[in-house]
Amino acid sequence: MTDYNGLGPVGELHPYLSKAAEGNAVIDAVRAVRRLPGAHADPRTTEPARSIILGNDVGNVAVKKVPLLLASGTLDDRVVIDRTRDLFDRLCANGQVTEFVVVDGADHGSVIPLTSAQVTDFLEDRFARREPVDSCPSGR
């Protein structure tokens, strides 16, 4: 017997389909990690975690010869446009070739279907080795 849906009797939901069970699993995992020796170290200041985090910090490291397509809707309440614009600015400042598409009136659920043609064009252009569009200001 277990406290988590999907791990107990047959017929119960998988835990990823139960918000309460998923939340309890995360809390239990955090409690367990706190009991590990040295688990109280801050990964943002402790190596090697610090270098790994910084090396994977989106927008702060440019990937040469790998253009990026960034699309956002002005009404997205999950990934708000100001955060996306900030990411775009950081990408440009670090020399990342970035095509930035802003869809006026699109929200989190509609931005993907509204940009599907642009995504297709972007991918086809990469396979055809065509020069990528760079929305970053010139002279960055």
C-alpha atoms as a PDB file:
ATOM      1  CA  MET A   1       0.000   0.000   0.000  1.00  0.00           C
ATOM      2  CA  THR A   2       1.222   3.521  -0.775  1.00  0.00           C
ATOM      3  CA  ASP A   3       0.139   7.133  -0.300  1.00  0.00           C
ATOM      4  CA  TYR A   4       0.327   7.880  -4.041  1.00  0.00           C
ATOM      5  CA  ASN A   5      -2.308   7.274  -6.690  1.00  0.00           C
ATOM      6  CA  GLY A   6      -1.148   4.844  -9.343  1.00  0.00           C
ATOM      7  CA  LEU A   7       1.330   3.137  -7.062  1.00  0.00           C
ATOM      8  CA  GLY A   8      -1.316   1.342  -5.022  1.00  0.00           C
ATOM      9  CA  PRO A   9      -4.406  -0.670  -5.889  1.00  0.00           C
ATOM     10  CA  VAL A  10      -5.230  -1.440  -9.525  1.00  0.00           C
ATOM     11  CA  GLY A  11      -7.498   1.096 -11.190  1.00  0.00           C
ATOM     12  CA  GLU A  12      -6.188   4.241  -9.529  1.00  0.00           C
ATOM     13  CA  LEU A  13      -4.838   7.129 -11.610  1.00  0.00           C
ATOM     14  CA  HIS A  14      -1.157   7.514 -12.411  1.00  0.00           C
ATOM     15  CA  PRO A  15       0.336  10.106 -10.002  1.00  0.00           C
ATOM     16  CA  TYR A  16       1.010  12.583 -12.820  1.00  0.00           C
ATOM     17  CA  LEU A  17      -2.751  12.782 -13.355  1.00  0.00           C
ATOM     18  CA  SER A  18      -3.462  13.695  -9.745  1.00  0.00           C
ATOM     19  CA  LYS A  19      -2.366  17.179  -8.717  1.00  0.00           C
ATOM     20  CA  ALA A  20      -2.655  16.421  -5.013  1.00  0.00           C
ATOM     21  CA  ALA A  21      -0.577  13.229  -5.264  1.00  0.00           C
ATOM     22  CA  GLU A  22       2.010  14.994  -7.432  1.00  0.00           C
ATOM     23  CA  GLY A  23       2.274  17.846  -4.905  1.00  0.00           C
ATOM     24  CA  ASN A  24       2.665  15.420  -2.011  1.00  0.00           C
ATOM     25  CA  ALA A  25       5.345  13.493  -3.908  1.00  0.00           C
ATOM     26  CA  VAL A  26       7.353  16.707  -4.444  1.00  0.00           C
ATOM     27  CA  ILE A  27       7.038  17.699  -0.790  1.00  0.00           C
ATOM     28  CA  ASP A  28       8.170  14.230   0.312  1.00  0.00           C
ATOM     29  CA  ALA A  29      11.124  14.358  -2.096  1.00  0.00           C
ATOM     30  CA  VAL A  30      12.219  17.743  -0.728  1.00  0.00           C
ATOM     31  CA  ARG A  31      11.945  16.462   2.841  1.00  0.00           C
ATOM     32  CA  ALA A  32      14.045  13.405   1.959  1.00  0.00           C
ATOM     33  CA  VAL A  33      16.748  15.486   0.257  1.00  0.00           C
ATOM     34  CA  ARG A  34      16.995  17.788   3.279  1.00  0.00           C
ATOM     35  CA  ARG A  35      18.112  14.779   5.321  1.00  0.00           C
ATOM     36  CA  LEU A  36      21.101  14.091   3.053  1.00  0.00           C
ATOM     37  CA  PRO A  37      24.517  15.250   4.286  1.00  0.00           C
ATOM     38  CA  GLY A  38      25.515  18.494   2.582  1.00  0.00           C
ATOM     39  CA  ALA A  39      22.064  18.963   1.074  1.00  0.00           C
ATOM     40  CA  HIS A  40      21.768  22.423   2.558  1.00  0.00           C
ATOM     41  CA  ALA A  41      24.333  23.876   0.174  1.00  0.00           C
ATOM     42  CA  ASP A  42      23.034  26.468  -2.278  1.00  0.00           C
ATOM     43  CA  PRO A  43      23.528  25.076  -5.808  1.00  0.00           C
ATOM     44  CA  ARG A  44      23.787  28.637  -7.157  1.00  0.00           C
ATOM     45  CA  THR A  45      26.999  29.125  -5.193  1.00  0.00           C
ATOM     46  CA  THR A  46      28.421  25.594  -4.901  1.00  0.00           C
ATOM     47  CA  GLU A  47      30.495  23.953  -7.646  1.00  0.00           C
ATOM     48  CA  PRO A  48      29.996  22.072  -9.864  1.00  0.00           C
ATOM     49  CA  ALA A  49      26.275  22.953  -9.776  1.00  0.00           C
ATOM     50  CA  ARG A  50      26.961  26.688 -10.151  1.00  0.00           C
ATOM     51  CA  SER A  51      28.870  26.266 -13.427  1.00  0.00           C
ATOM     52  CA  ILE A  52      26.268  23.857 -14.785  1.00  0.00           C
ATOM     53  CA  ILE A  53      23.439  26.248 -13.955  1.00  0.00           C
ATOM     54  CA  LEU A  54      25.231  29.227 -15.505  1.00  0.00           C
ATOM     55  CA  GLY A  55      26.145  27.225 -18.586  1.00  0.00           C
ATOM     56  CA  ASN A  56      22.499  26.323 -19.108  1.00  0.00           C
ATOM     57  CA  ASP A  57      20.997  29.709 -18.299  1.00  0.00           C
ATOM     58  CA  VAL A  58      18.819  30.504 -21.286  1.00  0.00           C
ATOM     59  CA  GLY A  59      19.676  33.818 -22.850  1.00  0.00           C
ATOM     60  CA  ASN A  60      23.084  34.233 -21.275  1.00  0.00           C
ATOM     61  CA  VAL A  61      25.019  31.930 -23.591  1.00  0.00           C
ATOM     62  CA  ALA A  62      24.923  32.155 -27.389  1.00  0.00           C
ATOM     63  CA  VAL A  63      25.049  28.966 -29.430  1.00  0.00           C
ATOM     64  CA  LYS A  64      26.951  29.714 -32.618  1.00  0.00           C
ATOM     65  CA  LYS A  65      25.498  28.434 -35.900  1.00  0.00           C
ATOM     66  CA  VAL A  66      22.253  27.449 -34.167  1.00  0.00           C
ATOM     67  CA  PRO A  67      19.573  30.068 -34.825  1.00  0.00           C
ATOM     68  CA  LEU A  68      16.608  30.355 -32.518  1.00  0.00           C
ATOM     69  CA  LEU A  69      12.933  31.033 -33.215  1.00  0.00           C
ATOM     70  CA  LEU A  70      11.178  32.740 -30.335  1.00  0.00           C
ATOM     71  CA  ALA A  71       7.396  33.241 -30.549  1.00  0.00           C
ATOM     72  CA  SER A  72       5.134  34.878 -28.010  1.00  0.00           C
ATOM     73  CA  GLY A  73       1.587  36.149 -27.740  1.00  0.00           C
ATOM     74  CA  THR A  74       0.785  39.537 -26.258  1.00  0.00           C
ATOM     75  CA  LEU A  75      -2.018  38.042 -24.126  1.00  0.00           C
ATOM     76  CA  ASP A  76      -0.083  35.036 -22.806  1.00  0.00           C
ATOM     77  CA  ASP A  77      -0.626  34.952 -19.054  1.00  0.00           C
ATOM     78  CA  ARG A  78       1.744  32.015 -18.467  1.00  0.00           C
ATOM     79  CA  VAL A  79       4.806  33.260 -20.326  1.00  0.00           C
ATOM     80  CA  VAL A  80       4.163  36.978 -20.207  1.00  0.00           C
ATOM     81  CA  ILE A  81       5.381  39.052 -23.145  1.00  0.00           C
ATOM     82  CA  ASP A  82       7.655  41.231 -20.989  1.00  0.00           C
ATOM     83  CA  ARG A  83       9.633  38.143 -19.897  1.00  0.00           C
ATOM     84  CA  THR A  84       9.889  36.985 -23.498  1.00  0.00           C
ATOM     85  CA  ARG A  85      11.076  40.424 -24.607  1.00  0.00           C
ATOM     86  CA  ASP A  86      13.649  40.392 -21.801  1.00  0.00           C
ATOM     87  CA  LEU A  87      14.864  36.984 -22.975  1.00  0.00           C
ATOM     88  CA  PHE A  88      15.071  38.275 -26.556  1.00  0.00           C
ATOM     89  CA  ASP A  89      17.138  41.277 -25.408  1.00  0.00           C
ATOM     90  CA  ARG A  90      19.529  38.991 -23.491  1.00  0.00           C
ATOM     91  CA  LEU A  91      19.843  36.624 -26.449  1.00  0.00           C
ATOM     92  CA  CYS A  92      20.674  39.520 -28.757  1.00  0.00           C
ATOM     93  CA  ALA A  93      23.144  41.035 -26.291  1.00  0.00           C
ATOM     94  CA  ASN A  94      24.974  37.699 -26.204  1.00  0.00           C
ATOM     95  CA  GLY A  95      25.128  37.385 -29.982  1.00  0.00           C
ATOM     96  CA  GLN A  96      22.476  34.698 -30.436  1.00  0.00           C
ATOM     97  CA  VAL A  97      20.830  34.814 -33.875  1.00  0.00           C
ATOM     98  CA  THR A  98      17.150  34.998 -32.964  1.00  0.00           C
ATOM     99  CA  GLU A  99      14.004  35.380 -35.019  1.00  0.00           C
ATOM    100  CA  PHE A 100      11.400  36.933 -32.717  1.00  0.00           C
ATOM    101  CA  VAL A 101       7.714  36.658 -33.604  1.00  0.00           C
ATOM    102  CA  VAL A 102       5.160  38.534 -31.518  1.00  0.00           C
ATOM    103  CA  VAL A 103       1.533  37.636 -32.164  1.00  0.00           C
ATOM    104  CA  ASP A 104      -0.806  40.429 -31.142  1.00  0.00           C
ATOM    105  CA  GLY A 105      -3.784  39.053 -29.221  1.00  0.00           C
ATOM    106  CA  ALA A 106      -2.450  35.498 -28.924  1.00  0.00           C
ATOM    107  CA  ASP A 107      -2.510  33.711 -25.589  1.00  0.00           C
ATOM    108  CA  HIS A 108      -0.643  30.644 -24.363  1.00  0.00           C
ATOM    109  CA  GLY A 109      -2.988  28.260 -26.132  1.00  0.00           C
ATOM    110  CA  SER A 110      -3.267  30.082 -29.443  1.00  0.00           C
ATOM    111  CA  VAL A 111       0.302  31.204 -30.149  1.00  0.00           C
ATOM    112  CA  ILE A 112       1.416  27.780 -31.407  1.00  0.00           C
ATOM    113  CA  PRO A 113      -1.331  27.293 -33.992  1.00  0.00           C
ATOM    114  CA  LEU A 114      -0.997  30.942 -35.045  1.00  0.00           C
ATOM    115  CA  THR A 115       2.749  30.544 -35.680  1.00  0.00           C
ATOM    116  CA  SER A 116       2.758  27.014 -37.107  1.00  0.00           C
ATOM    117  CA  ALA A 117       3.493  28.244 -40.648  1.00  0.00           C
ATOM    118  CA  GLN A 118       6.435  30.301 -39.361  1.00  0.00           C
ATOM    119  CA  VAL A 119       7.747  27.338 -37.382  1.00  0.00           C
ATOM    120  CA  THR A 120       7.513  25.148 -40.486  1.00  0.00           C
ATOM    121  CA  ASP A 121       9.325  27.769 -42.588  1.00  0.00           C
ATOM    122  CA  PHE A 122      11.995  28.150 -39.904  1.00  0.00           C
ATOM    123  CA  LEU A 123      12.663  24.403 -39.807  1.00  0.00           C
ATOM    124  CA  GLU A 124      12.602  24.013 -43.589  1.00  0.00           C
ATOM    125  CA  ASP A 125      15.079  26.887 -43.900  1.00  0.00           C
ATOM    126  CA  ARG A 126      17.422  25.170 -41.430  1.00  0.00           C
ATOM    127  CA  PHE A 127      17.354  21.908 -43.405  1.00  0.00           C
ATOM    128  CA  ALA A 128      17.907  23.841 -46.645  1.00  0.00           C
ATOM    129  CA  ARG A 129      20.811  25.690 -44.976  1.00  0.00           C
ATOM    130  CA  ARG A 130      19.304  29.090 -45.818  1.00  0.00           C
ATOM    131  CA  GLU A 131      20.440  32.117 -43.851  1.00  0.00           C
ATOM    132  CA  PRO A 132      18.321  32.582 -40.730  1.00  0.00           C
ATOM    133  CA  VAL A 133      16.264  35.681 -40.030  1.00  0.00           C
ATOM    134  CA  ASP A 134      17.789  37.703 -37.217  1.00  0.00           C
ATOM    135  CA  SER A 135      15.367  40.045 -35.475  1.00  0.00           C
ATOM    136  CA  CYS A 136      18.085  41.428 -33.231  1.00  0.00           C
ATOM    137  CA  PRO A 137      18.946  45.071 -33.778  1.00  0.00           C
ATOM    138  CA  SER A 138      21.967  45.582 -36.014  1.00  0.00           C
ATOM    139  CA  GLY A 139      25.121  46.851 -34.366  1.00  0.00           C
ATOM    140  CA  ARG A 140      24.509  44.910 -31.188  1.00  0.00           C
END
